[in-house]
Structures are given as C-alpha cells and as structure tokens.
PDB file of N, CA and C in Angstrom:
ATOM      1  N   UNK A   1     -54.790  29.409  18.265  1.00  0.00           N
ATOM      2  CA  UNK A   1     -53.520  29.709  18.884  1.00  0.00           C
ATOM      3  C   UNK A   1     -52.996  28.516  19.661  1.00  0.00           C
ATOM      4  N   UNK A   2     -53.897  27.825  20.365  1.00  0.00           N
ATOM      5  CA  UNK A   2     -53.497  26.651  21.130  1.00  0.00           C
ATOM      6  C   UNK A   2     -52.930  25.556  20.234  1.00  0.00           C
ATOM      7  N   UNK A   3     -53.521  25.424  19.088  1.00  0.00           N
ATOM      8  CA  UNK A   3     -53.092  24.374  18.141  1.00  0.00           C
ATOM      9  C   UNK A   3     -51.648  24.604  17.689  1.00  0.00           C
ATOM     10  N   UNK A   4     -51.229  25.814  17.430  1.00  0.00           N
ATOM     11  CA  UNK A   4     -49.869  26.132  17.002  1.00  0.00           C
ATOM     12  C   UNK A   4     -48.880  25.819  18.110  1.00  0.00           C
ATOM     13  N   UNK A   5     -49.201  26.138  19.337  1.00  0.00           N
ATOM     14  CA  UNK A   5     -48.301  25.875  20.465  1.00  0.00           C
ATOM     15  C   UNK A   5     -48.102  24.381  20.673  1.00  0.00           C
ATOM     16  N   UNK A   6     -49.122  23.572  20.456  1.00  0.00           N
ATOM     17  CA  UNK A   6     -49.012  22.134  20.657  1.00  0.00           C
ATOM     18  C   UNK A   6     -48.151  21.480  19.576  1.00  0.00           C
ATOM     19  N   UNK A   7     -48.134  21.995  18.378  1.00  0.00           N
ATOM     20  CA  UNK A   7     -47.366  21.389  17.287  1.00  0.00           C
ATOM     21  C   UNK A   7     -45.911  21.828  17.290  1.00  0.00           C
ATOM     22  N   UNK A   8     -45.569  22.922  17.898  1.00  0.00           N
ATOM     23  CA  UNK A   8     -44.194  23.420  17.909  1.00  0.00           C
ATOM     24  C   UNK A   8     -43.206  22.439  18.530  1.00  0.00           C
ATOM     25  N   UNK A   9     -43.462  21.858  19.715  1.00  0.00           N
ATOM     26  CA  UNK A   9     -42.510  20.897  20.281  1.00  0.00           C
ATOM     27  C   UNK A   9     -42.333  19.670  19.381  1.00  0.00           C
ATOM     28  N   UNK A  10     -43.397  19.227  18.753  1.00  0.00           N
ATOM     29  CA  UNK A  10     -43.312  18.088  17.849  1.00  0.00           C
ATOM     30  C   UNK A  10     -42.438  18.416  16.642  1.00  0.00           C
ATOM     31  N   UNK A  11     -42.603  19.592  16.079  1.00  0.00           N
ATOM     32  CA  UNK A  11     -41.797  20.025  14.943  1.00  0.00           C
ATOM     33  C   UNK A  11     -40.321  20.122  15.337  1.00  0.00           C
ATOM     34  N   UNK A  12     -40.025  20.699  16.493  1.00  0.00           N
ATOM     35  CA  UNK A  12     -38.643  20.810  16.955  1.00  0.00           C
ATOM     36  C   UNK A  12     -38.016  19.434  17.205  1.00  0.00           C
ATOM     37  N   UNK A  13     -38.792  18.530  17.752  1.00  0.00           N
ATOM     38  CA  UNK A  13     -38.302  17.164  17.987  1.00  0.00           C
ATOM     39  C   UNK A  13     -37.968  16.484  16.657  1.00  0.00           C
ATOM     40  N   UNK A  14     -38.819  16.615  15.683  1.00  0.00           N
ATOM     41  CA  UNK A  14     -38.561  16.029  14.364  1.00  0.00           C
ATOM     42  C   UNK A  14     -37.336  16.663  13.719  1.00  0.00           C
ATOM     43  N   UNK A  15     -37.193  17.956  13.857  1.00  0.00           N
ATOM     44  CA  UNK A  15     -36.049  18.664  13.293  1.00  0.00           C
ATOM     45  C   UNK A  15     -34.747  18.210  13.946  1.00  0.00           C
ATOM     46  N   UNK A  16     -34.734  18.088  15.252  1.00  0.00           N
ATOM     47  CA  UNK A  16     -33.536  17.614  15.967  1.00  0.00           C
ATOM     48  C   UNK A  16     -33.207  16.180  15.570  1.00  0.00           C
ATOM     49  N   UNK A  17     -34.237  15.338  15.491  1.00  0.00           N
ATOM     50  CA  UNK A  17     -34.026  13.947  15.077  1.00  0.00           C
ATOM     51  C   UNK A  17     -33.440  13.883  13.664  1.00  0.00           C
ATOM     52  N   UNK A  18     -33.936  14.710  12.769  1.00  0.00           N
ATOM     53  CA  UNK A  18     -33.405  14.749  11.397  1.00  0.00           C
ATOM     54  C   UNK A  18     -31.947  15.203  11.374  1.00  0.00           C
ATOM     55  N   UNK A  19     -31.621  16.193  12.184  1.00  0.00           N
ATOM     56  CA  UNK A  19     -30.234  16.657  12.258  1.00  0.00           C
ATOM     57  C   UNK A  19     -29.299  15.588  12.812  1.00  0.00           C
ATOM     58  N   UNK A  20     -29.747  14.840  13.789  1.00  0.00           N
ATOM     59  CA  UNK A  20     -28.927  13.755  14.355  1.00  0.00           C
ATOM     60  C   UNK A  20     -28.683  12.682  13.293  1.00  0.00           C
ATOM     61  N   UNK A  21     -29.707  12.291  12.581  1.00  0.00           N
ATOM     62  CA  UNK A  21     -29.561  11.290  11.507  1.00  0.00           C
ATOM     63  C   UNK A  21     -28.610  11.804  10.429  1.00  0.00           C
ATOM     64  N   UNK A  22     -28.781  13.049  10.025  1.00  0.00           N
ATOM     65  CA  UNK A  22     -27.895  13.640   9.020  1.00  0.00           C
ATOM     66  C   UNK A  22     -26.456  13.652   9.504  1.00  0.00           C
ATOM     67  N   UNK A  23     -26.230  14.017  10.753  1.00  0.00           N
ATOM     68  CA  UNK A  23     -24.873  14.056  11.317  1.00  0.00           C
ATOM     69  C   UNK A  23     -24.238  12.674  11.329  1.00  0.00           C
ATOM     70  N   UNK A  24     -25.002  11.665  11.710  1.00  0.00           N
ATOM     71  CA  UNK A  24     -24.470  10.291  11.701  1.00  0.00           C
ATOM     72  C   UNK A  24     -24.107   9.845  10.291  1.00  0.00           C
ATOM     73  N   UNK A  25     -24.963  10.150   9.330  1.00  0.00           N
ATOM     74  CA  UNK A  25     -24.672   9.783   7.939  1.00  0.00           C
ATOM     75  C   UNK A  25     -23.437  10.515   7.421  1.00  0.00           C
ATOM     76  N   UNK A  26     -23.293  11.779   7.768  1.00  0.00           N
ATOM     77  CA  UNK A  26     -22.120  12.544   7.347  1.00  0.00           C
ATOM     78  C   UNK A  26     -20.851  11.975   7.965  1.00  0.00           C
ATOM     79  N   UNK A  27     -20.909  11.581   9.235  1.00  0.00           N
ATOM     80  CA  UNK A  27     -19.738  10.997   9.899  1.00  0.00           C
ATOM     81  C   UNK A  27     -19.333   9.682   9.235  1.00  0.00           C
ATOM     82  N   UNK A  28     -20.297   8.864   8.888  1.00  0.00           N
ATOM     83  CA  UNK A  28     -20.006   7.595   8.202  1.00  0.00           C
ATOM     84  C   UNK A  28     -19.374   7.863   6.837  1.00  0.00           C
ATOM     85  N   UNK A  29     -19.909   8.813   6.099  1.00  0.00           N
ATOM     86  CA  UNK A  29     -19.358   9.145   4.774  1.00  0.00           C
ATOM     87  C   UNK A  29     -17.925   9.659   4.876  1.00  0.00           C
ATOM     88  N   UNK A  30     -17.654  10.520   5.841  1.00  0.00           N
ATOM     89  CA  UNK A  30     -16.298  11.046   6.011  1.00  0.00           C
ATOM     90  C   UNK A  30     -15.335   9.922   6.361  1.00  0.00           C
ATOM     91  N   UNK A  31     -15.747   9.011   7.250  1.00  0.00           N
ATOM     92  CA  UNK A  31     -14.848   7.904   7.610  1.00  0.00           C
ATOM     93  C   UNK A  31     -14.591   6.989   6.414  1.00  0.00           C
ATOM     94  N   UNK A  32     -15.587   6.786   5.566  1.00  0.00           N
ATOM     95  CA  UNK A  32     -15.390   5.965   4.367  1.00  0.00           C
ATOM     96  C   UNK A  32     -14.423   6.633   3.387  1.00  0.00           C
ATOM     97  N   UNK A  33     -14.523   7.942   3.251  1.00  0.00           N
ATOM     98  CA  UNK A  33     -13.613   8.665   2.357  1.00  0.00           C
ATOM     99  C   UNK A  33     -12.183   8.583   2.873  1.00  0.00           C
ATOM    100  N   UNK A  34     -11.988   8.735   4.170  1.00  0.00           N
ATOM    101  CA  UNK A  34     -10.643   8.639   4.756  1.00  0.00           C
ATOM    102  C   UNK A  34     -10.094   7.234   4.566  1.00  0.00           C
ATOM    103  N   UNK A  35     -10.912   6.227   4.784  1.00  0.00           N
ATOM    104  CA  UNK A  35     -10.476   4.831   4.607  1.00  0.00           C
ATOM    105  C   UNK A  35     -10.108   4.561   3.148  1.00  0.00           C
ATOM    106  N   UNK A  36     -10.884   5.079   2.215  1.00  0.00           N
ATOM    107  CA  UNK A  36     -10.598   4.895   0.786  1.00  0.00           C
ATOM    108  C   UNK A  36      -9.268   5.549   0.415  1.00  0.00           C
ATOM    109  N   UNK A  37      -8.996   6.713   0.963  1.00  0.00           N
ATOM    110  CA  UNK A  37      -7.728   7.399   0.702  1.00  0.00           C
ATOM    111  C   UNK A  37      -6.552   6.581   1.225  1.00  0.00           C
ATOM    112  N   UNK A  38      -6.705   6.007   2.411  1.00  0.00           N
ATOM    113  CA  UNK A  38      -5.644   5.176   2.992  1.00  0.00           C
ATOM    114  C   UNK A  38      -5.385   3.941   2.130  1.00  0.00           C
ATOM    115  N   UNK A  39      -6.441   3.299   1.691  1.00  0.00           N
ATOM    116  CA  UNK A  39      -6.296   2.115   0.831  1.00  0.00           C
ATOM    117  C   UNK A  39      -5.627   2.495  -0.481  1.00  0.00           C
ATOM    118  N   UNK A  40      -5.991   3.613  -1.047  1.00  0.00           N
ATOM    119  CA  UNK A  40      -5.396   4.076  -2.302  1.00  0.00           C
ATOM    120  C   UNK A  40      -3.903   4.336  -2.140  1.00  0.00           C
ATOM    121  N   UNK A  41      -3.517   4.995  -1.052  1.00  0.00           N
ATOM    122  CA  UNK A  41      -2.101   5.280  -0.800  1.00  0.00           C
ATOM    123  C   UNK A  41      -1.308   3.983  -0.621  1.00  0.00           C
ATOM    124  N   UNK A  42      -1.849   3.053   0.172  1.00  0.00           N
ATOM    125  CA  UNK A  42      -1.172   1.769   0.377  1.00  0.00           C
ATOM    126  C   UNK A  42      -1.015   1.003  -0.930  1.00  0.00           C
ATOM    127  N   UNK A  43      -2.053   1.026  -1.747  1.00  0.00           N
ATOM    128  CA  UNK A  43      -2.012   0.329  -3.036  1.00  0.00           C
ATOM    129  C   UNK A  43      -0.969   0.930  -3.964  1.00  0.00           C
ATOM    130  N   UNK A  44      -0.902   2.262  -4.003  1.00  0.00           N
ATOM    131  CA  UNK A  44       0.089   2.930  -4.848  1.00  0.00           C
ATOM    132  C   UNK A  44       1.510   2.600  -4.388  1.00  0.00           C
ATOM    133  N   UNK A  45       1.746   2.618  -3.089  1.00  0.00           N
ATOM    134  CA  UNK A  45       3.078   2.297  -2.566  1.00  0.00           C
ATOM    135  C   UNK A  45       3.454   0.853  -2.873  1.00  0.00           C
ATOM    136  N   UNK A  46       2.513  -0.066  -2.716  1.00  0.00           N
ATOM    137  CA  UNK A  46       2.786  -1.469  -3.000  1.00  0.00           C
ATOM    138  C   UNK A  46       3.083  -1.679  -4.480  1.00  0.00           C
ATOM    139  N   UNK A  47       2.339  -1.019  -5.364  1.00  0.00           N
ATOM    140  CA  UNK A  47       2.574  -1.152  -6.801  1.00  0.00           C
ATOM    141  C   UNK A  47       3.956  -0.636  -7.193  1.00  0.00           C
ATOM    142  N   UNK A  48       4.348   0.512  -6.651  1.00  0.00           N
ATOM    143  CA  UNK A  48       5.661   1.062  -6.970  1.00  0.00           C
ATOM    144  C   UNK A  48       6.772   0.175  -6.422  1.00  0.00           C
ATOM    145  N   UNK A  49       6.589  -0.356  -5.214  1.00  0.00           N
ATOM    146  CA  UNK A  49       7.594  -1.245  -4.624  1.00  0.00           C
ATOM    147  C   UNK A  49       7.706  -2.537  -5.430  1.00  0.00           C
ATOM    148  N   UNK A  50       6.594  -3.064  -5.884  1.00  0.00           N
ATOM    149  CA  UNK A  50       6.593  -4.276  -6.704  1.00  0.00           C
ATOM    150  C   UNK A  50       7.345  -4.060  -8.006  1.00  0.00           C
ATOM    151  N   UNK A  51       7.096  -2.934  -8.664  1.00  0.00           N
ATOM    152  CA  UNK A  51       7.795  -2.651  -9.923  1.00  0.00           C
ATOM    153  C   UNK A  51       9.297  -2.516  -9.699  1.00  0.00           C
ATOM    154  N   UNK A  52       9.701  -1.878  -8.609  1.00  0.00           N
ATOM    155  CA  UNK A  52      11.116  -1.729  -8.310  1.00  0.00           C
ATOM    156  C   UNK A  52      11.752  -3.077  -7.997  1.00  0.00           C
ATOM    157  N   UNK A  53      11.063  -3.922  -7.228  1.00  0.00           N
ATOM    158  CA  UNK A  53      11.591  -5.247  -6.912  1.00  0.00           C
ATOM    159  C   UNK A  53      11.719  -6.097  -8.177  1.00  0.00           C
ATOM    160  N   UNK A  54      10.764  -6.017  -9.065  1.00  0.00           N
ATOM    161  CA  UNK A  54      10.841  -6.759 -10.330  1.00  0.00           C
ATOM    162  C   UNK A  54      12.008  -6.262 -11.183  1.00  0.00           C
ATOM    163  N   UNK A  55      12.238  -4.958 -11.184  1.00  0.00           N
ATOM    164  CA  UNK A  55      13.367  -4.402 -11.925  1.00  0.00           C
ATOM    165  C   UNK A  55      14.683  -4.939 -11.395  1.00  0.00           C
ATOM    166  N   UNK A  56      14.840  -4.950 -10.074  1.00  0.00           N
ATOM    167  CA  UNK A  56      16.068  -5.459  -9.459  1.00  0.00           C
ATOM    168  C   UNK A  56      16.225  -6.949  -9.747  1.00  0.00           C
ATOM    169  N   UNK A  57      15.137  -7.705  -9.718  1.00  0.00           N
ATOM    170  CA  UNK A  57      15.205  -9.143 -10.009  1.00  0.00           C
ATOM    171  C   UNK A  57      15.652  -9.385 -11.451  1.00  0.00           C
ATOM    172  N   UNK A  58      15.131  -8.617 -12.380  1.00  0.00           N
ATOM    173  CA  UNK A  58      15.544  -8.766 -13.780  1.00  0.00           C
ATOM    174  C   UNK A  58      17.006  -8.369 -13.972  1.00  0.00           C
ATOM    175  N   UNK A  59      17.444  -7.329 -13.271  1.00  0.00           N
ATOM    176  CA  UNK A  59      18.860  -6.950 -13.338  1.00  0.00           C
ATOM    177  C   UNK A  59      19.742  -8.055 -12.786  1.00  0.00           C
ATOM    178  N   UNK A  60      19.306  -8.699 -11.722  1.00  0.00           N
ATOM    179  CA  UNK A  60      20.054  -9.814 -11.132  1.00  0.00           C
ATOM    180  C   UNK A  60      20.151 -10.980 -12.104  1.00  0.00           C
ATOM    181  N   UNK A  61      19.049 -11.324 -12.728  1.00  0.00           N
ATOM    182  CA  UNK A  61      19.048 -12.440 -13.681  1.00  0.00           C
ATOM    183  C   UNK A  61      19.906 -12.138 -14.895  1.00  0.00           C
ATOM    184  N   UNK A  62      19.980 -10.858 -15.292  1.00  0.00           N
ATOM    185  CA  UNK A  62      20.782 -10.461 -16.449  1.00  0.00           C
ATOM    186  C   UNK A  62      22.225 -10.139 -16.055  1.00  0.00           C
ATOM    187  N   UNK A  63      22.535 -10.304 -14.771  1.00  0.00           N
ATOM    188  CA  UNK A  63      23.875 -10.042 -14.229  1.00  0.00           C
ATOM    189  C   UNK A  63      24.319  -8.602 -14.498  1.00  0.00           C
ATOM    190  N   UNK A  64      23.411  -7.669 -14.299  1.00  0.00           N
ATOM    191  CA  UNK A  64      23.704  -6.245 -14.452  1.00  0.00           C
ATOM    192  C   UNK A  64      23.796  -5.618 -13.055  1.00  0.00           C
ATOM    193  N   UNK A  65      24.356  -4.405 -12.975  1.00  0.00           N
ATOM    194  CA  UNK A  65      24.392  -3.720 -11.674  1.00  0.00           C
ATOM    195  C   UNK A  65      22.966  -3.498 -11.146  1.00  0.00           C
ATOM    196  N   UNK A  66      22.791  -3.661  -9.843  1.00  0.00           N
ATOM    197  CA  UNK A  66      21.464  -3.587  -9.249  1.00  0.00           C
ATOM    198  C   UNK A  66      21.105  -2.161  -8.840  1.00  0.00           C
ATOM    199  N   UNK A  67      19.856  -1.796  -9.062  1.00  0.00           N
ATOM    200  CA  UNK A  67      19.335  -0.497  -8.637  1.00  0.00           C
ATOM    201  C   UNK A  67      19.254  -0.483  -7.120  1.00  0.00           C
ATOM    202  N   UNK A  68      19.717   0.607  -6.493  1.00  0.00           N
ATOM    203  CA  UNK A  68      19.707   0.677  -5.035  1.00  0.00           C
ATOM    204  C   UNK A  68      18.556   1.502  -4.475  1.00  0.00           C
ATOM    205  N   UNK A  69      18.087   2.485  -5.235  1.00  0.00           N
ATOM    206  CA  UNK A  69      16.952   3.291  -4.764  1.00  0.00           C
ATOM    207  C   UNK A  69      16.317   4.005  -5.946  1.00  0.00           C
ATOM    208  N   UNK A  70      15.055   4.379  -5.735  1.00  0.00           N
ATOM    209  CA  UNK A  70      14.336   5.137  -6.760  1.00  0.00           C
ATOM    210  C   UNK A  70      13.089   5.739  -6.115  1.00  0.00           C
ATOM    211  N   UNK A  71      12.844   7.010  -6.392  1.00  0.00           N
ATOM    212  CA  UNK A  71      11.626   7.696  -5.939  1.00  0.00           C
ATOM    213  C   UNK A  71      11.392   7.579  -4.433  1.00  0.00           C
ATOM    214  N   UNK A  72      12.455   7.609  -3.640  1.00  0.00           N
ATOM    215  CA  UNK A  72      12.313   7.535  -2.194  1.00  0.00           C
ATOM    216  C   UNK A  72      12.277   6.124  -1.633  1.00  0.00           C
ATOM    217  N   UNK A  73      12.243   5.123  -2.493  1.00  0.00           N
ATOM    218  CA  UNK A  73      12.246   3.724  -2.057  1.00  0.00           C
ATOM    219  C   UNK A  73      13.689   3.232  -1.994  1.00  0.00           C
ATOM    220  N   UNK A  74      14.026   2.507  -0.939  1.00  0.00           N
ATOM    221  CA  UNK A  74      15.357   1.930  -0.807  1.00  0.00           C
ATOM    222  C   UNK A  74      15.266   0.421  -1.056  1.00  0.00           C
ATOM    223  N   UNK A  75      16.302  -0.104  -1.714  1.00  0.00           N
ATOM    224  CA  UNK A  75      16.355  -1.532  -1.998  1.00  0.00           C
ATOM    225  C   UNK A  75      17.524  -2.128  -1.231  1.00  0.00           C
ATOM    226  N   UNK A  76      17.238  -3.157  -0.442  1.00  0.00           N
ATOM    227  CA  UNK A  76      18.314  -3.890   0.217  1.00  0.00           C
ATOM    228  C   UNK A  76      18.288  -5.319  -0.325  1.00  0.00           C
ATOM    229  N   UNK A  77      19.473  -5.852  -0.573  1.00  0.00           N
ATOM    230  CA  UNK A  77      19.570  -7.182  -1.158  1.00  0.00           C
ATOM    231  C   UNK A  77      20.523  -8.046  -0.351  1.00  0.00           C
ATOM    232  N   UNK A  78      20.283  -9.327  -0.399  1.00  0.00           N
ATOM    233  CA  UNK A  78      21.174 -10.306   0.225  1.00  0.00           C
ATOM    234  C   UNK A  78      21.268 -11.489  -0.726  1.00  0.00           C
ATOM    235  N   UNK A  79      22.489 -11.787  -1.135  1.00  0.00           N
ATOM    236  CA  UNK A  79      22.696 -12.843  -2.123  1.00  0.00           C
ATOM    237  C   UNK A  79      23.246 -14.087  -1.441  1.00  0.00           C
ATOM    238  N   UNK A  80      22.779 -15.253  -1.911  1.00  0.00           N
ATOM    239  CA  UNK A  80      23.272 -16.536  -1.407  1.00  0.00           C
ATOM    240  C   UNK A  80      23.261 -17.536  -2.557  1.00  0.00           C
ATOM    241  N   UNK A  81      24.109 -18.550  -2.446  1.00  0.00           N
ATOM    242  CA  UNK A  81      24.180 -19.596  -3.463  1.00  0.00           C
ATOM    243  C   UNK A  81      24.014 -20.953  -2.787  1.00  0.00           C
ATOM    244  N   UNK A  82      23.144 -21.766  -3.357  1.00  0.00           N
ATOM    245  CA  UNK A  82      22.900 -23.112  -2.839  1.00  0.00           C
ATOM    246  C   UNK A  82      22.776 -24.067  -4.019  1.00  0.00           C
ATOM    247  N   UNK A  83      23.626 -25.086  -4.057  1.00  0.00           N
ATOM    248  CA  UNK A  83      23.557 -26.152  -5.071  1.00  0.00           C
ATOM    249  C   UNK A  83      23.537 -25.614  -6.494  1.00  0.00           C
ATOM    250  N   UNK A  84      24.384 -24.657  -6.780  1.00  0.00           N
ATOM    251  CA  UNK A  84      24.508 -24.119  -8.125  1.00  0.00           C
ATOM    252  C   UNK A  84      23.434 -23.123  -8.517  1.00  0.00           C
ATOM    253  N   UNK A  85      22.610 -22.725  -7.563  1.00  0.00           N
ATOM    254  CA  UNK A  85      21.571 -21.734  -7.838  1.00  0.00           C
ATOM    255  C   UNK A  85      21.844 -20.509  -6.976  1.00  0.00           C
ATOM    256  N   UNK A  86      21.900 -19.344  -7.623  1.00  0.00           N
ATOM    257  CA  UNK A  86      22.127 -18.092  -6.903  1.00  0.00           C
ATOM    258  C   UNK A  86      20.764 -17.469  -6.585  1.00  0.00           C
ATOM    259  N   UNK A  87      20.572 -17.099  -5.323  1.00  0.00           N
ATOM    260  CA  UNK A  87      19.332 -16.477  -4.869  1.00  0.00           C
ATOM    261  C   UNK A  87      19.623 -15.047  -4.454  1.00  0.00           C
ATOM    262  N   UNK A  88      18.678 -14.172  -4.708  1.00  0.00           N
ATOM    263  CA  UNK A  88      18.788 -12.783  -4.276  1.00  0.00           C
ATOM    264  C   UNK A  88      17.504 -12.431  -3.537  1.00  0.00           C
ATOM    265  N   UNK A  89      17.636 -12.160  -2.240  1.00  0.00           N
ATOM    266  CA  UNK A  89      16.506 -11.724  -1.432  1.00  0.00           C
ATOM    267  C   UNK A  89      16.428 -10.200  -1.534  1.00  0.00           C
ATOM    268  N   UNK A  90      15.323  -9.706  -2.029  1.00  0.00           N
ATOM    269  CA  UNK A  90      15.146  -8.276  -2.284  1.00  0.00           C
ATOM    270  C   UNK A  90      14.090  -7.740  -1.324  1.00  0.00           C
ATOM    271  N   UNK A  91      14.431  -6.653  -0.634  1.00  0.00           N
ATOM    272  CA  UNK A  91      13.475  -5.972   0.229  1.00  0.00           C
ATOM    273  C   UNK A  91      13.402  -4.514  -0.200  1.00  0.00           C
ATOM    274  N   UNK A  92      12.201  -4.054  -0.509  1.00  0.00           N
ATOM    275  CA  UNK A  92      11.985  -2.657  -0.892  1.00  0.00           C
ATOM    276  C   UNK A  92      11.329  -1.961   0.299  1.00  0.00           C
ATOM    277  N   UNK A  93      11.947  -0.853   0.730  1.00  0.00           N
ATOM    278  CA  UNK A  93      11.461  -0.122   1.901  1.00  0.00           C
ATOM    279  C   UNK A  93      11.147   1.322   1.538  1.00  0.00           C
ATOM    280  N   UNK A  94      10.225   1.885   2.288  1.00  0.00           N
ATOM    281  CA  UNK A  94       9.899   3.300   2.176  1.00  0.00           C
ATOM    282  C   UNK A  94       9.950   3.875   3.578  1.00  0.00           C
ATOM    283  N   UNK A  95      10.839   4.831   3.793  1.00  0.00           N
ATOM    284  CA  UNK A  95      11.047   5.443   5.100  1.00  0.00           C
ATOM    285  C   UNK A  95      11.351   4.376   6.155  1.00  0.00           C
ATOM    286  N   UNK A  96      12.261   3.475   5.828  1.00  0.00           N
ATOM    287  CA  UNK A  96      12.731   2.401   6.706  1.00  0.00           C
ATOM    288  C   UNK A  96      11.649   1.392   7.096  1.00  0.00           C
ATOM    289  N   UNK A  97      10.523   1.374   6.404  1.00  0.00           N
ATOM    290  CA  UNK A  97       9.469   0.391   6.623  1.00  0.00           C
ATOM    291  C   UNK A  97       9.401  -0.523   5.404  1.00  0.00           C
ATOM    292  N   UNK A  98       9.598  -1.846   5.571  1.00  0.00           N
ATOM    293  CA  UNK A  98       9.511  -2.749   4.420  1.00  0.00           C
ATOM    294  C   UNK A  98       8.120  -2.695   3.777  1.00  0.00           C
ATOM    295  N   UNK A  99       8.119  -2.574   2.455  1.00  0.00           N
ATOM    296  CA  UNK A  99       6.865  -2.512   1.716  1.00  0.00           C
ATOM    297  C   UNK A  99       6.646  -3.809   0.944  1.00  0.00           C
ATOM    298  N   UNK A 100       7.738  -4.374   0.398  1.00  0.00           N
ATOM    299  CA  UNK A 100       7.614  -5.564  -0.443  1.00  0.00           C
ATOM    300  C   UNK A 100       8.899  -6.373  -0.368  1.00  0.00           C
ATOM    301  N   UNK A 101       8.762  -7.705  -0.387  1.00  0.00           N
ATOM    302  CA  UNK A 101       9.919  -8.591  -0.396  1.00  0.00           C
ATOM    303  C   UNK A 101       9.758  -9.600  -1.529  1.00  0.00           C
ATOM    304  N   UNK A 102      10.897  -9.930  -2.149  1.00  0.00           N
ATOM    305  CA  UNK A 102      10.890 -10.840  -3.290  1.00  0.00           C
ATOM    306  C   UNK A 102      12.188 -11.614  -3.296  1.00  0.00           C
ATOM    307  N   UNK A 103      12.144 -12.879  -3.695  1.00  0.00           N
ATOM    308  CA  UNK A 103      13.354 -13.678  -3.868  1.00  0.00           C
ATOM    309  C   UNK A 103      13.461 -14.057  -5.337  1.00  0.00           C
ATOM    310  N   UNK A 104      14.601 -13.713  -5.936  1.00  0.00           N
ATOM    311  CA  UNK A 104      14.870 -14.055  -7.336  1.00  0.00           C
ATOM    312  C   UNK A 104      15.944 -15.135  -7.351  1.00  0.00           C
ATOM    313  N   UNK A 105      15.933 -15.951  -8.394  1.00  0.00           N
ATOM    314  CA  UNK A 105      16.918 -17.027  -8.503  1.00  0.00           C
ATOM    315  C   UNK A 105      17.412 -17.122  -9.938  1.00  0.00           C
ATOM    316  N   UNK A 106      18.666 -17.562 -10.075  1.00  0.00           N
ATOM    317  CA  UNK A 106      19.215 -17.851 -11.391  1.00  0.00           C
ATOM    318  C   UNK A 106      20.177 -19.023 -11.236  1.00  0.00           C
ATOM    319  N   UNK A 107      20.271 -19.811 -12.275  1.00  0.00           N
ATOM    320  CA  UNK A 107      21.177 -20.953 -12.270  1.00  0.00           C
ATOM    321  C   UNK A 107      22.569 -20.453 -12.614  1.00  0.00           C
ATOM    322  N   UNK A 108      23.504 -20.768 -11.769  1.00  0.00           N
ATOM    323  CA  UNK A 108      24.898 -20.382 -12.009  1.00  0.00           C
ATOM    324  C   UNK A 108      25.500 -21.343 -13.028  1.00  0.00           C
ATOM    325  N   UNK A 109      26.139 -20.787 -14.038  1.00  0.00           N
ATOM    326  CA  UNK A 109      26.795 -21.634 -15.040  1.00  0.00           C
ATOM    327  C   UNK A 109      28.133 -22.098 -14.485  1.00  0.00           C
ATOM    328  N   UNK A 110      28.415 -23.354 -14.726  1.00  0.00           N
ATOM    329  CA  UNK A 110      29.694 -23.895 -14.271  1.00  0.00           C
ATOM    330  C   UNK A 110      30.813 -23.347 -15.149  1.00  0.00           C
ATOM    331  N   UNK A 111      31.984 -23.160 -14.548  1.00  0.00           N
ATOM    332  CA  UNK A 111      33.127 -22.652 -15.297  1.00  0.00           C
ATOM    333  C   UNK A 111      33.521 -23.687 -16.351  1.00  0.00           C
ATOM    334  N   UNK A 112      33.813 -23.210 -17.529  1.00  0.00           N
ATOM    335  CA  UNK A 112      34.208 -24.083 -18.629  1.00  0.00           C
ATOM    336  C   UNK A 112      33.025 -24.571 -19.442  1.00  0.00           C
ATOM    337  N   UNK A 113      31.807 -24.362 -18.942  1.00  0.00           N
ATOM    338  CA  UNK A 113      30.617 -24.769 -19.714  1.00  0.00           C
ATOM    339  C   UNK A 113      30.250 -23.636 -20.664  1.00  0.00           C
ATOM    340  N   UNK A 114      29.731 -23.983 -21.826  1.00  0.00           N
ATOM    341  CA  UNK A 114      29.376 -22.931 -22.780  1.00  0.00           C
ATOM    342  C   UNK A 114      27.891 -22.781 -22.913  1.00  0.00           C
TER     343      UNK A 114
END
C-alpha cells in the first residue's frame, strides 16, 4: 500500500508535465496555421493585383480604354510624357490600401510619321 502512495505524486507530475508540453506544441501549431493562412491571403491578393496591373499596362500600350476596377480592386492611373515617351503609373488598391504599383511606357509616334 505504501508503494502505491509514493508513486502517485510522481505519476501526476509526469502527467501534468506531458499536458504542458502538449499544450505548448498545440499553441505553436495553431500559430503556424494562422500565419500560413495570412501568407496565402496576401499572396492571392498580390497575384490578382499583378494580373490587373499587367492588363491595364497592355491596354495602355495598345491605346485601348483602361480598366478601372475588377473583383473589388480599384485601379488608379497617372499619365505623363517625357521626351516622346508616354508613361503610365498604375496603382492597384484593395479597400483603399495599395497592393501593387507598376509603371508602363510606350513610345509616342510623331505626327506625320508612318
């Protein structure tokens, strides 16, 4: 009987220690999953913004009307010309937060040139 009483505190201590280790490991795993989800969301938003900015740049180079928004993303543009080259600064935003910026350029043809 004495032997059982002496081992009980040791068993409880080991059990508590195991639970603490398990809890720490679970907390680390949960934080890693949350971080992975955040990275995935940021990556998806950046990819969509990049595709939209590339679309607007190609429309600018082809002298077509520019896309202003798509799928909740807003496109703001600012055009400037320097030394016969037209530049278009493109900013793609999501919920008023800039996600991606791109500058496109095209050579302006002189009037009368074919």
